[in-house]
Amino acid sequence: YPIQMKKSRPAVTLKVLAPPAREEEIKEVVFAETKTLGMRISEVFKEYVDREIIEVDTPFGRLRVKLARRDEHPANIAPEYEDCRRAAVEHGVPLKEVYAAAEEAARAFLASEEKPGGD
């Protein structure tokens, strides 16, 4: 992305995410293909939550929804975009209406899991 250096000189920041095993290869490419005289290298870590995909019944048909959980507690509900887009086109309704119906059905699914005797 564009940045401004000392004395208001324009420049660009290049960020590369790559596995540590490819560090030397990436450095060679950056030095060969740019005018840079140096680079900062940082190791980053990514934390994941458990995910599962469920199918829920909605007025627009069965739709897939991704559920993210952290320590068995629901952290996020994300209806599958392509399923929602297809259903919106088929039913002639706004995408956000289908998306909301999928989220509501997923919340109902989660609520049924929390009740005694729920799966």
PDB file of N, CA and C in Angstrom:
ATOM      1  N   TYR A   1       0.831  -1.175   0.000  1.00  0.00           N
ATOM      2  CA  TYR A   1       0.000   0.000   0.000  1.00  0.00           C
ATOM      3  C   TYR A   1       0.878   1.241   0.000  1.00  0.00           C
ATOM      4  N   PRO A   2       0.365   2.366  -0.496  1.00  0.00           N
ATOM      5  CA  PRO A   2       1.187   3.576  -0.596  1.00  0.00           C
ATOM      6  C   PRO A   2       1.487   4.172   0.781  1.00  0.00           C
ATOM      7  N   ILE A   3       2.705   4.664   0.935  1.00  0.00           N
ATOM      8  CA  ILE A   3       3.108   5.363   2.161  1.00  0.00           C
ATOM      9  C   ILE A   3       3.942   6.573   1.780  1.00  0.00           C
ATOM     10  N   GLN A   4       4.295   7.380   2.791  1.00  0.00           N
ATOM     11  CA  GLN A   4       5.138   8.544   2.556  1.00  0.00           C
ATOM     12  C   GLN A   4       6.401   8.405   3.409  1.00  0.00           C
ATOM     13  N   MET A   5       7.545   8.526   2.764  1.00  0.00           N
ATOM     14  CA  MET A   5       8.826   8.380   3.445  1.00  0.00           C
ATOM     15  C   MET A   5       9.316   9.747   3.921  1.00  0.00           C
ATOM     16  N   LYS A   6      10.581   9.769   4.402  1.00  0.00           N
ATOM     17  CA  LYS A   6      11.197  11.035   4.787  1.00  0.00           C
ATOM     18  C   LYS A   6      11.185  11.996   3.612  1.00  0.00           C
ATOM     19  N   LYS A   7      11.120  13.263   3.913  1.00  0.00           N
ATOM     20  CA  LYS A   7      11.131  14.327   2.907  1.00  0.00           C
ATOM     21  C   LYS A   7       9.974  14.170   1.917  1.00  0.00           C
ATOM     22  N   SER A   8       8.883  13.594   2.397  1.00  0.00           N
ATOM     23  CA  SER A   8       7.651  13.423   1.606  1.00  0.00           C
ATOM     24  C   SER A   8       7.831  12.585   0.345  1.00  0.00           C
ATOM     25  N   ARG A   9       8.791  11.687   0.350  1.00  0.00           N
ATOM     26  CA  ARG A   9       8.983  10.820  -0.818  1.00  0.00           C
ATOM     27  C   ARG A   9       7.909   9.734  -0.838  1.00  0.00           C
ATOM     28  N   PRO A  10       7.317   9.500  -2.001  1.00  0.00           N
ATOM     29  CA  PRO A  10       6.321   8.428  -2.083  1.00  0.00           C
ATOM     30  C   PRO A  10       7.011   7.062  -2.070  1.00  0.00           C
ATOM     31  N   ALA A  11       6.333   6.095  -1.495  1.00  0.00           N
ATOM     32  CA  ALA A  11       6.868   4.733  -1.451  1.00  0.00           C
ATOM     33  C   ALA A  11       5.700   3.757  -1.338  1.00  0.00           C
ATOM     34  N   VAL A  12       6.033   2.495  -1.332  1.00  0.00           N
ATOM     35  CA  VAL A  12       5.029   1.441  -1.214  1.00  0.00           C
ATOM     36  C   VAL A  12       5.497   0.448  -0.162  1.00  0.00           C
ATOM     37  N   THR A  13       4.581   0.011   0.700  1.00  0.00           N
ATOM     38  CA  THR A  13       4.881  -1.052   1.650  1.00  0.00           C
ATOM     39  C   THR A  13       4.434  -2.370   1.044  1.00  0.00           C
ATOM     40  N   LEU A  14       5.315  -3.343   1.071  1.00  0.00           N
ATOM     41  CA  LEU A  14       5.005  -4.681   0.579  1.00  0.00           C
ATOM     42  C   LEU A  14       4.979  -5.618   1.775  1.00  0.00           C
ATOM     43  N   LYS A  15       3.863  -6.304   1.959  1.00  0.00           N
ATOM     44  CA  LYS A  15       3.760  -7.290   3.037  1.00  0.00           C
ATOM     45  C   LYS A  15       3.593  -8.657   2.400  1.00  0.00           C
ATOM     46  N   VAL A  16       4.343  -9.621   2.902  1.00  0.00           N
ATOM     47  CA  VAL A  16       4.296 -10.979   2.367  1.00  0.00           C
ATOM     48  C   VAL A  16       4.020 -11.944   3.514  1.00  0.00           C
ATOM     49  N   LEU A  17       3.018 -12.785   3.340  1.00  0.00           N
ATOM     50  CA  LEU A  17       2.769 -13.872   4.285  1.00  0.00           C
ATOM     51  C   LEU A  17       3.211 -15.159   3.608  1.00  0.00           C
ATOM     52  N   ALA A  18       4.136 -15.849   4.232  1.00  0.00           N
ATOM     53  CA  ALA A  18       4.663 -17.076   3.632  1.00  0.00           C
ATOM     54  C   ALA A  18       5.116 -18.008   4.748  1.00  0.00           C
ATOM     55  N   PRO A  19       5.157 -19.301   4.474  1.00  0.00           N
ATOM     56  CA  PRO A  19       5.648 -20.233   5.491  1.00  0.00           C
ATOM     57  C   PRO A  19       7.132 -19.994   5.762  1.00  0.00           C
ATOM     58  N   PRO A  20       7.568 -20.173   7.010  1.00  0.00           N
ATOM     59  CA  PRO A  20       8.970 -19.948   7.357  1.00  0.00           C
ATOM     60  C   PRO A  20       9.949 -20.715   6.469  1.00  0.00           C
ATOM     61  N   ALA A  21       9.565 -21.867   6.000  1.00  0.00           N
ATOM     62  CA  ALA A  21      10.457 -22.674   5.163  1.00  0.00           C
ATOM     63  C   ALA A  21      10.810 -21.972   3.851  1.00  0.00           C
ATOM     64  N   ARG A  22      10.016 -20.994   3.438  1.00  0.00           N
ATOM     65  CA  ARG A  22      10.274 -20.303   2.171  1.00  0.00           C
ATOM     66  C   ARG A  22      10.899 -18.917   2.367  1.00  0.00           C
ATOM     67  N   GLU A  23      11.313 -18.596   3.591  1.00  0.00           N
ATOM     68  CA  GLU A  23      11.833 -17.260   3.887  1.00  0.00           C
ATOM     69  C   GLU A  23      12.986 -16.858   2.970  1.00  0.00           C
ATOM     70  N   GLU A  24      13.984 -17.706   2.826  1.00  0.00           N
ATOM     71  CA  GLU A  24      15.149 -17.357   1.998  1.00  0.00           C
ATOM     72  C   GLU A  24      14.744 -17.126   0.546  1.00  0.00           C
ATOM     73  N   GLU A  25      13.891 -17.987   0.032  1.00  0.00           N
ATOM     74  CA  GLU A  25      13.412 -17.856  -1.349  1.00  0.00           C
ATOM     75  C   GLU A  25      12.675 -16.521  -1.546  1.00  0.00           C
ATOM     76  N   ILE A  26      11.821 -16.175  -0.591  1.00  0.00           N
ATOM     77  CA  ILE A  26      11.051 -14.925  -0.679  1.00  0.00           C
ATOM     78  C   ILE A  26      11.990 -13.723  -0.622  1.00  0.00           C
ATOM     79  N   LYS A  27      12.966 -13.757   0.283  1.00  0.00           N
ATOM     80  CA  LYS A  27      13.918 -12.642   0.381  1.00  0.00           C
ATOM     81  C   LYS A  27      14.659 -12.448  -0.932  1.00  0.00           C
ATOM     82  N   GLU A  28      15.091 -13.540  -1.547  1.00  0.00           N
ATOM     83  CA  GLU A  28      15.801 -13.438  -2.826  1.00  0.00           C
ATOM     84  C   GLU A  28      14.938 -12.764  -3.884  1.00  0.00           C
ATOM     85  N   VAL A  29      13.681 -13.142  -3.956  1.00  0.00           N
ATOM     86  CA  VAL A  29      12.771 -12.550  -4.945  1.00  0.00           C
ATOM     87  C   VAL A  29      12.571 -11.061  -4.668  1.00  0.00           C
ATOM     88  N   VAL A  30      12.332 -10.701  -3.412  1.00  0.00           N
ATOM     89  CA  VAL A  30      12.096  -9.292  -3.076  1.00  0.00           C
ATOM     90  C   VAL A  30      13.324  -8.450  -3.392  1.00  0.00           C
ATOM     91  N   PHE A  31      14.511  -8.907  -3.010  1.00  0.00           N
ATOM     92  CA  PHE A  31      15.721  -8.136  -3.311  1.00  0.00           C
ATOM     93  C   PHE A  31      15.982  -8.064  -4.811  1.00  0.00           C
ATOM     94  N   ALA A  32      15.679  -9.127  -5.538  1.00  0.00           N
ATOM     95  CA  ALA A  32      15.934  -9.141  -6.984  1.00  0.00           C
ATOM     96  C   ALA A  32      14.937  -8.285  -7.756  1.00  0.00           C
ATOM     97  N   GLU A  33      13.697  -8.229  -7.299  1.00  0.00           N
ATOM     98  CA  GLU A  33      12.640  -7.590  -8.076  1.00  0.00           C
ATOM     99  C   GLU A  33      12.252  -6.194  -7.605  1.00  0.00           C
ATOM    100  N   THR A  34      12.844  -5.718  -6.504  1.00  0.00           N
ATOM    101  CA  THR A  34      12.517  -4.370  -6.017  1.00  0.00           C
ATOM    102  C   THR A  34      13.807  -3.591  -5.794  1.00  0.00           C
ATOM    103  N   LYS A  35      13.648  -2.319  -5.459  1.00  0.00           N
ATOM    104  CA  LYS A  35      14.812  -1.476  -5.181  1.00  0.00           C
ATOM    105  C   LYS A  35      15.116  -1.399  -3.692  1.00  0.00           C
ATOM    106  N   THR A  36      14.481  -2.236  -2.896  1.00  0.00           N
ATOM    107  CA  THR A  36      14.663  -2.153  -1.452  1.00  0.00           C
ATOM    108  C   THR A  36      16.101  -2.449  -1.046  1.00  0.00           C
ATOM    109  N   LEU A  37      16.512  -1.811   0.041  1.00  0.00           N
ATOM    110  CA  LEU A  37      17.840  -2.046   0.603  1.00  0.00           C
ATOM    111  C   LEU A  37      17.759  -2.878   1.879  1.00  0.00           C
ATOM    112  N   GLY A  38      16.540  -3.151   2.309  1.00  0.00           N
ATOM    113  CA  GLY A  38      16.371  -3.944   3.524  1.00  0.00           C
ATOM    114  C   GLY A  38      14.913  -4.285   3.749  1.00  0.00           C
ATOM    115  N   MET A  39      14.693  -5.173   4.706  1.00  0.00           N
ATOM    116  CA  MET A  39      13.316  -5.559   5.023  1.00  0.00           C
ATOM    117  C   MET A  39      13.222  -5.963   6.478  1.00  0.00           C
ATOM    118  N   ARG A  40      12.024  -5.795   7.026  1.00  0.00           N
ATOM    119  CA  ARG A  40      11.735  -6.260   8.380  1.00  0.00           C
ATOM    120  C   ARG A  40      11.046  -7.610   8.253  1.00  0.00           C
ATOM    121  N   ILE A  41      11.443  -8.537   9.093  1.00  0.00           N
ATOM    122  CA  ILE A  41      10.849  -9.871   9.055  1.00  0.00           C
ATOM    123  C   ILE A  41      10.283 -10.179  10.434  1.00  0.00           C
ATOM    124  N   SER A  42       9.017 -10.544  10.465  1.00  0.00           N
ATOM    125  CA  SER A  42       8.340 -10.883  11.717  1.00  0.00           C
ATOM    126  C   SER A  42       7.638 -12.215  11.560  1.00  0.00           C
ATOM    127  N   GLU A  43       7.631 -12.973  12.632  1.00  0.00           N
ATOM    128  CA  GLU A  43       6.873 -14.214  12.635  1.00  0.00           C
ATOM    129  C   GLU A  43       5.514 -13.915  13.260  1.00  0.00           C
ATOM    130  N   VAL A  44       4.461 -14.376  12.632  1.00  0.00           N
ATOM    131  CA  VAL A  44       3.113 -14.155  13.154  1.00  0.00           C
ATOM    132  C   VAL A  44       2.436 -15.497  13.380  1.00  0.00           C
ATOM    133  N   PHE A  45       1.451 -15.486  14.229  1.00  0.00           N
ATOM    134  CA  PHE A  45       0.713 -16.697  14.551  1.00  0.00           C
ATOM    135  C   PHE A  45      -0.765 -16.428  14.355  1.00  0.00           C
ATOM    136  N   LYS A  46      -1.493 -17.454  13.992  1.00  0.00           N
ATOM    137  CA  LYS A  46      -2.927 -17.316  13.788  1.00  0.00           C
ATOM    138  C   LYS A  46      -3.641 -18.292  14.702  1.00  0.00           C
ATOM    139  N   GLU A  47      -4.638 -17.796  15.379  1.00  0.00           N
ATOM    140  CA  GLU A  47      -5.452 -18.615  16.270  1.00  0.00           C
ATOM    141  C   GLU A  47      -6.744 -18.972  15.545  1.00  0.00           C
ATOM    142  N   TYR A  48      -7.132 -20.229  15.606  1.00  0.00           N
ATOM    143  CA  TYR A  48      -8.345 -20.694  14.939  1.00  0.00           C
ATOM    144  C   TYR A  48      -9.383 -21.110  15.968  1.00  0.00           C
ATOM    145  N   VAL A  49     -10.637 -21.002  15.576  1.00  0.00           N
ATOM    146  CA  VAL A  49     -11.722 -21.559  16.378  1.00  0.00           C
ATOM    147  C   VAL A  49     -12.235 -22.802  15.656  1.00  0.00           C
ATOM    148  N   ASP A  50     -12.869 -23.682  16.409  1.00  0.00           N
ATOM    149  CA  ASP A  50     -13.456 -24.876  15.796  1.00  0.00           C
ATOM    150  C   ASP A  50     -14.599 -24.453  14.887  1.00  0.00           C
ATOM    151  N   ARG A  51     -14.688 -25.099  13.724  1.00  0.00           N
ATOM    152  CA  ARG A  51     -15.737 -24.759  12.766  1.00  0.00           C
ATOM    153  C   ARG A  51     -16.460 -26.017  12.322  1.00  0.00           C
ATOM    154  N   GLU A  52     -17.731 -25.825  12.002  1.00  0.00           N
ATOM    155  CA  GLU A  52     -18.501 -26.901  11.392  1.00  0.00           C
ATOM    156  C   GLU A  52     -19.522 -26.274  10.458  1.00  0.00           C
ATOM    157  N   ILE A  53     -19.917 -27.030   9.459  1.00  0.00           N
ATOM    158  CA  ILE A  53     -20.945 -26.559   8.537  1.00  0.00           C
ATOM    159  C   ILE A  53     -22.192 -27.392   8.779  1.00  0.00           C
ATOM    160  N   ILE A  54     -23.304 -26.691   9.017  1.00  0.00           N
ATOM    161  CA  ILE A  54     -24.587 -27.363   9.200  1.00  0.00           C
ATOM    162  C   ILE A  54     -25.520 -26.932   8.072  1.00  0.00           C
ATOM    163  N   GLU A  55     -26.584 -27.683   7.885  1.00  0.00           N
ATOM    164  CA  GLU A  55     -27.626 -27.284   6.939  1.00  0.00           C
ATOM    165  C   GLU A  55     -28.863 -26.938   7.744  1.00  0.00           C
ATOM    166  N   VAL A  56     -29.482 -25.805   7.402  1.00  0.00           N
ATOM    167  CA  VAL A  56     -30.683 -25.366   8.108  1.00  0.00           C
ATOM    168  C   VAL A  56     -31.815 -25.191   7.106  1.00  0.00           C
ATOM    169  N   ASP A  57     -33.033 -25.425   7.594  1.00  0.00           N
ATOM    170  CA  ASP A  57     -34.217 -25.215   6.762  1.00  0.00           C
ATOM    171  C   ASP A  57     -34.682 -23.777   6.924  1.00  0.00           C
ATOM    172  N   THR A  58     -34.935 -23.113   5.803  1.00  0.00           N
ATOM    173  CA  THR A  58     -35.425 -21.733   5.790  1.00  0.00           C
ATOM    174  C   THR A  58     -36.600 -21.656   4.819  1.00  0.00           C
ATOM    175  N   PRO A  59     -37.328 -20.551   4.818  1.00  0.00           N
ATOM    176  CA  PRO A  59     -38.393 -20.382   3.819  1.00  0.00           C
ATOM    177  C   PRO A  59     -37.852 -20.410   2.384  1.00  0.00           C
ATOM    178  N   PHE A  60     -36.551 -20.298   2.236  1.00  0.00           N
ATOM    179  CA  PHE A  60     -35.921 -20.266   0.909  1.00  0.00           C
ATOM    180  C   PHE A  60     -35.226 -21.586   0.568  1.00  0.00           C
ATOM    181  N   GLY A  61     -35.470 -22.612   1.385  1.00  0.00           N
ATOM    182  CA  GLY A  61     -34.852 -23.910   1.152  1.00  0.00           C
ATOM    183  C   GLY A  61     -33.756 -24.205   2.169  1.00  0.00           C
ATOM    184  N   ARG A  62     -33.098 -25.345   1.979  1.00  0.00           N
ATOM    185  CA  ARG A  62     -31.992 -25.725   2.870  1.00  0.00           C
ATOM    186  C   ARG A  62     -30.746 -24.942   2.484  1.00  0.00           C
ATOM    187  N   LEU A  63     -30.127 -24.336   3.493  1.00  0.00           N
ATOM    188  CA  LEU A  63     -28.928 -23.531   3.267  1.00  0.00           C
ATOM    189  C   LEU A  63     -27.835 -23.981   4.226  1.00  0.00           C
ATOM    190  N   ARG A  64     -26.607 -23.919   3.758  1.00  0.00           N
ATOM    191  CA  ARG A  64     -25.463 -24.249   4.610  1.00  0.00           C
ATOM    192  C   ARG A  64     -25.052 -23.012   5.410  1.00  0.00           C
ATOM    193  N   VAL A  65     -24.694 -23.261   6.663  1.00  0.00           N
ATOM    194  CA  VAL A  65     -24.249 -22.198   7.564  1.00  0.00           C
ATOM    195  C   VAL A  65     -23.002 -22.693   8.283  1.00  0.00           C
ATOM    196  N   LYS A  66     -22.000 -21.843   8.330  1.00  0.00           N
ATOM    197  CA  LYS A  66     -20.774 -22.187   9.051  1.00  0.00           C
ATOM    198  C   LYS A  66     -20.907 -21.689  10.492  1.00  0.00           C
ATOM    199  N   LEU A  67     -20.676 -22.593  11.439  1.00  0.00           N
ATOM    200  CA  LEU A  67     -20.697 -22.243  12.855  1.00  0.00           C
ATOM    201  C   LEU A  67     -19.274 -22.291  13.387  1.00  0.00           C
ATOM    202  N   ALA A  68     -18.869 -21.240  14.041  1.00  0.00           N
ATOM    203  CA  ALA A  68     -17.554 -21.204  14.683  1.00  0.00           C
ATOM    204  C   ALA A  68     -17.789 -21.276  16.184  1.00  0.00           C
ATOM    205  N   ARG A  69     -17.000 -22.102  16.843  1.00  0.00           N
ATOM    206  CA  ARG A  69     -17.154 -22.267  18.289  1.00  0.00           C
ATOM    207  C   ARG A  69     -15.803 -22.100  18.971  1.00  0.00           C
ATOM    208  N   ARG A  70     -15.867 -21.533  20.157  1.00  0.00           N
ATOM    209  CA  ARG A  70     -14.671 -21.418  20.988  1.00  0.00           C
ATOM    210  C   ARG A  70     -15.036 -21.984  22.354  1.00  0.00           C
ATOM    211  N   ASP A  71     -14.330 -22.993  22.768  1.00  0.00           N
ATOM    212  CA  ASP A  71     -14.622 -23.667  24.044  1.00  0.00           C
ATOM    213  C   ASP A  71     -16.083 -24.102  24.107  1.00  0.00           C
ATOM    214  N   GLU A  72     -16.570 -24.682  23.008  1.00  0.00           N
ATOM    215  CA  GLU A  72     -17.939 -25.194  22.907  1.00  0.00           C
ATOM    216  C   GLU A  72     -19.017 -24.109  22.916  1.00  0.00           C
ATOM    217  N   HIS A  73     -18.639 -22.836  22.977  1.00  0.00           N
ATOM    218  CA  HIS A  73     -19.621 -21.754  22.928  1.00  0.00           C
ATOM    219  C   HIS A  73     -19.645 -21.175  21.517  1.00  0.00           C
ATOM    220  N   PRO A  74     -20.855 -20.912  20.982  1.00  0.00           N
ATOM    221  CA  PRO A  74     -20.918 -20.331  19.634  1.00  0.00           C
ATOM    222  C   PRO A  74     -20.203 -18.985  19.590  1.00  0.00           C
ATOM    223  N   ALA A  75     -19.334 -18.810  18.625  1.00  0.00           N
ATOM    224  CA  ALA A  75     -18.602 -17.557  18.486  1.00  0.00           C
ATOM    225  C   ALA A  75     -19.064 -16.768  17.270  1.00  0.00           C
ATOM    226  N   ASN A  76     -19.531 -17.479  16.233  1.00  0.00           N
ATOM    227  CA  ASN A  76     -19.901 -16.786  15.007  1.00  0.00           C
ATOM    228  C   ASN A  76     -20.813 -17.673  14.167  1.00  0.00           C
ATOM    229  N   ILE A  77     -21.731 -17.026  13.463  1.00  0.00           N
ATOM    230  CA  ILE A  77     -22.625 -17.706  12.526  1.00  0.00           C
ATOM    231  C   ILE A  77     -22.412 -17.046  11.178  1.00  0.00           C
ATOM    232  N   ALA A  78     -22.078 -17.834  10.157  1.00  0.00           N
ATOM    233  CA  ALA A  78     -21.815 -17.270   8.826  1.00  0.00           C
ATOM    234  C   ALA A  78     -22.508 -18.108   7.755  1.00  0.00           C
ATOM    235  N   PRO A  79     -23.679 -17.644   7.277  1.00  0.00           N
ATOM    236  CA  PRO A  79     -24.325 -18.358   6.174  1.00  0.00           C
ATOM    237  C   PRO A  79     -23.411 -18.402   4.954  1.00  0.00           C
ATOM    238  N   GLU A  80     -23.463 -19.518   4.220  1.00  0.00           N
ATOM    239  CA  GLU A  80     -22.642 -19.664   3.018  1.00  0.00           C
ATOM    240  C   GLU A  80     -23.170 -18.725   1.935  1.00  0.00           C
ATOM    241  N   TYR A  81     -22.319 -17.838   1.486  1.00  0.00           N
ATOM    242  CA  TYR A  81     -22.716 -16.794   0.547  1.00  0.00           C
ATOM    243  C   TYR A  81     -23.353 -17.362  -0.716  1.00  0.00           C
ATOM    244  N   GLU A  82     -22.719 -18.345  -1.345  1.00  0.00           N
ATOM    245  CA  GLU A  82     -23.230 -18.868  -2.620  1.00  0.00           C
ATOM    246  C   GLU A  82     -24.609 -19.492  -2.462  1.00  0.00           C
ATOM    247  N   ASP A  83     -24.845 -20.197  -1.353  1.00  0.00           N
ATOM    248  CA  ASP A  83     -26.172 -20.759  -1.106  1.00  0.00           C
ATOM    249  C   ASP A  83     -27.210 -19.645  -0.999  1.00  0.00           C
ATOM    250  N   CYS A  84     -26.880 -18.603  -0.238  1.00  0.00           N
ATOM    251  CA  CYS A  84     -27.806 -17.487  -0.040  1.00  0.00           C
ATOM    252  C   CYS A  84     -28.035 -16.721  -1.341  1.00  0.00           C
ATOM    253  N   ARG A  85     -26.993 -16.507  -2.109  1.00  0.00           N
ATOM    254  CA  ARG A  85     -27.122 -15.790  -3.381  1.00  0.00           C
ATOM    255  C   ARG A  85     -28.036 -16.556  -4.329  1.00  0.00           C
ATOM    256  N   ARG A  86     -27.802 -17.861  -4.428  1.00  0.00           N
ATOM    257  CA  ARG A  86     -28.622 -18.696  -5.310  1.00  0.00           C
ATOM    258  C   ARG A  86     -30.090 -18.645  -4.889  1.00  0.00           C
ATOM    259  N   ALA A  87     -30.359 -18.779  -3.591  1.00  0.00           N
ATOM    260  CA  ALA A  87     -31.732 -18.760  -3.087  1.00  0.00           C
ATOM    261  C   ALA A  87     -32.384 -17.399  -3.322  1.00  0.00           C
ATOM    262  N   ALA A  88     -31.628 -16.324  -3.154  1.00  0.00           N
ATOM    263  CA  ALA A  88     -32.171 -14.980  -3.386  1.00  0.00           C
ATOM    264  C   ALA A  88     -32.589 -14.811  -4.839  1.00  0.00           C
ATOM    265  N   VAL A  89     -31.763 -15.275  -5.751  1.00  0.00           N
ATOM    266  CA  VAL A  89     -32.078 -15.183  -7.184  1.00  0.00           C
ATOM    267  C   VAL A  89     -33.303 -16.041  -7.504  1.00  0.00           C
ATOM    268  N   GLU A  90     -33.317 -17.273  -7.006  1.00  0.00           N
ATOM    269  CA  GLU A  90     -34.437 -18.187  -7.281  1.00  0.00           C
ATOM    270  C   GLU A  90     -35.768 -17.658  -6.762  1.00  0.00           C
ATOM    271  N   HIS A  91     -35.742 -16.992  -5.605  1.00  0.00           N
ATOM    272  CA  HIS A  91     -36.979 -16.519  -4.980  1.00  0.00           C
ATOM    273  C   HIS A  91     -37.256 -15.041  -5.252  1.00  0.00           C
ATOM    274  N   GLY A  92     -36.347 -14.357  -5.933  1.00  0.00           N
ATOM    275  CA  GLY A  92     -36.550 -12.947  -6.265  1.00  0.00           C
ATOM    276  C   GLY A  92     -36.619 -12.036  -5.055  1.00  0.00           C
ATOM    277  N   VAL A  93     -35.791 -12.325  -4.068  1.00  0.00           N
ATOM    278  CA  VAL A  93     -35.759 -11.505  -2.851  1.00  0.00           C
ATOM    279  C   VAL A  93     -34.341 -10.979  -2.636  1.00  0.00           C
ATOM    280  N   PRO A  94     -34.199  -9.926  -1.819  1.00  0.00           N
ATOM    281  CA  PRO A  94     -32.851  -9.409  -1.543  1.00  0.00           C
ATOM    282  C   PRO A  94     -31.987 -10.444  -0.816  1.00  0.00           C
ATOM    283  N   LEU A  95     -30.719 -10.438  -1.130  1.00  0.00           N
ATOM    284  CA  LEU A  95     -29.765 -11.352  -0.505  1.00  0.00           C
ATOM    285  C   LEU A  95     -29.812 -11.235   1.015  1.00  0.00           C
ATOM    286  N   LYS A  96     -29.918 -10.004   1.524  1.00  0.00           N
ATOM    287  CA  LYS A  96     -29.893  -9.823   2.978  1.00  0.00           C
ATOM    288  C   LYS A  96     -31.078 -10.506   3.664  1.00  0.00           C
ATOM    289  N   GLU A  97     -32.201 -10.659   2.951  1.00  0.00           N
ATOM    290  CA  GLU A  97     -33.362 -11.345   3.517  1.00  0.00           C
ATOM    291  C   GLU A  97     -33.074 -12.838   3.682  1.00  0.00           C
ATOM    292  N   VAL A  98     -32.460 -13.430   2.687  1.00  0.00           N
ATOM    293  CA  VAL A  98     -32.095 -14.849   2.754  1.00  0.00           C
ATOM    294  C   VAL A  98     -31.027 -15.056   3.825  1.00  0.00           C
ATOM    295  N   TYR A  99     -30.055 -14.159   3.856  1.00  0.00           N
ATOM    296  CA  TYR A  99     -28.969 -14.233   4.828  1.00  0.00           C
ATOM    297  C   TYR A  99     -29.528 -14.191   6.253  1.00  0.00           C
ATOM    298  N   ALA A 100     -30.477 -13.265   6.489  1.00  0.00           N
ATOM    299  CA  ALA A 100     -31.085 -13.131   7.817  1.00  0.00           C
ATOM    300  C   ALA A 100     -31.865 -14.391   8.191  1.00  0.00           C
ATOM    301  N   ALA A 101     -32.573 -14.979   7.229  1.00  0.00           N
ATOM    302  CA  ALA A 101     -33.326 -16.207   7.494  1.00  0.00           C
ATOM    303  C   ALA A 101     -32.382 -17.350   7.858  1.00  0.00           C
ATOM    304  N   ALA A 102     -31.254 -17.437   7.182  1.00  0.00           N
ATOM    305  CA  ALA A 102     -30.272 -18.484   7.481  1.00  0.00           C
ATOM    306  C   ALA A 102     -29.681 -18.290   8.874  1.00  0.00           C
ATOM    307  N   GLU A 103     -29.366 -17.042   9.227  1.00  0.00           N
ATOM    308  CA  GLU A 103     -28.836 -16.764  10.569  1.00  0.00           C
ATOM    309  C   GLU A 103     -29.860 -17.123  11.645  1.00  0.00           C
ATOM    310  N   GLU A 104     -31.121 -16.746  11.403  1.00  0.00           N
ATOM    311  CA  GLU A 104     -32.187 -17.042  12.369  1.00  0.00           C
ATOM    312  C   GLU A 104     -32.343 -18.552  12.554  1.00  0.00           C
ATOM    313  N   ALA A 105     -32.325 -19.297  11.461  1.00  0.00           N
ATOM    314  CA  ALA A 105     -32.445 -20.753  11.541  1.00  0.00           C
ATOM    315  C   ALA A 105     -31.250 -21.357  12.277  1.00  0.00           C
ATOM    316  N   ALA A 106     -30.076 -20.815  12.067  1.00  0.00           N
ATOM    317  CA  ALA A 106     -28.883 -21.315  12.761  1.00  0.00           C
ATOM    318  C   ALA A 106     -28.971 -21.024  14.256  1.00  0.00           C
ATOM    319  N   ARG A 107     -29.481 -19.841  14.615  1.00  0.00           N
ATOM    320  CA  ARG A 107     -29.650 -19.519  16.036  1.00  0.00           C
ATOM    321  C   ARG A 107     -30.653 -20.483  16.690  1.00  0.00           C
ATOM    322  N   ALA A 108     -31.718 -20.805  15.957  1.00  0.00           N
ATOM    323  CA  ALA A 108     -32.701 -21.760  16.472  1.00  0.00           C
ATOM    324  C   ALA A 108     -32.051 -23.134  16.660  1.00  0.00           C
ATOM    325  N   PHE A 109     -31.205 -23.528  15.726  1.00  0.00           N
ATOM    326  CA  PHE A 109     -30.479 -24.792  15.839  1.00  0.00           C
ATOM    327  C   PHE A 109     -29.611 -24.788  17.095  1.00  0.00           C
ATOM    328  N   LEU A 110     -28.889 -23.695  17.322  1.00  0.00           N
ATOM    329  CA  LEU A 110     -28.021 -23.603  18.496  1.00  0.00           C
ATOM    330  C   LEU A 110     -28.837 -23.631  19.782  1.00  0.00           C
ATOM    331  N   ALA A 111     -29.983 -22.951  19.788  1.00  0.00           N
ATOM    332  CA  ALA A 111     -30.839 -22.933  20.974  1.00  0.00           C
ATOM    333  C   ALA A 111     -31.353 -24.336  21.277  1.00  0.00           C
ATOM    334  N   SER A 112     -31.675 -25.111  20.245  1.00  0.00           N
ATOM    335  CA  SER A 112     -32.165 -26.478  20.464  1.00  0.00           C
ATOM    336  C   SER A 112     -31.052 -27.376  21.004  1.00  0.00           C
ATOM    337  N   GLU A 113     -29.812 -27.077  20.668  1.00  0.00           N
ATOM    338  CA  GLU A 113     -28.667 -27.843  21.196  1.00  0.00           C
ATOM    339  C   GLU A 113     -28.499 -27.623  22.688  1.00  0.00           C
ATOM    340  N   GLU A 114     -28.814 -26.400  23.150  1.00  0.00           N
ATOM    341  CA  GLU A 114     -28.595 -26.041  24.550  1.00  0.00           C
ATOM    342  C   GLU A 114     -29.661 -26.609  25.473  1.00  0.00           C
ATOM    343  N   LYS A 115     -30.835 -26.944  24.924  1.00  0.00           N
ATOM    344  CA  LYS A 115     -31.915 -27.476  25.749  1.00  0.00           C
ATOM    345  C   LYS A 115     -31.592 -28.916  26.146  1.00  0.00           C
ATOM    346  N   PRO A 116     -32.010 -29.323  27.357  1.00  0.00           N
ATOM    347  CA  PRO A 116     -31.814 -30.725  27.748  1.00  0.00           C
ATOM    348  C   PRO A 116     -32.507 -31.641  26.745  1.00  0.00           C
ATOM    349  N   GLY A 117     -31.808 -32.667  26.334  1.00  0.00           N
ATOM    350  CA  GLY A 117     -32.358 -33.598  25.359  1.00  0.00           C
ATOM    351  C   GLY A 117     -32.122 -33.164  23.937  1.00  0.00           C
ATOM    352  N   GLY A 118     -31.537 -31.951  23.711  1.00  0.00           N
ATOM    353  CA  GLY A 118     -31.220 -31.478  22.363  1.00  0.00           C
ATOM    354  C   GLY A 118     -29.960 -32.140  21.868  1.00  0.00           C
ATOM    355  N   ASP A 119     -29.830 -32.253  20.561  1.00  0.00           N
ATOM    356  CA  ASP A 119     -28.641 -32.886  19.988  1.00  0.00           C
ATOM    357  C   ASP A 119     -27.591 -31.887  19.736  1.00  0.00           C
TER     358      ASP A 119
END
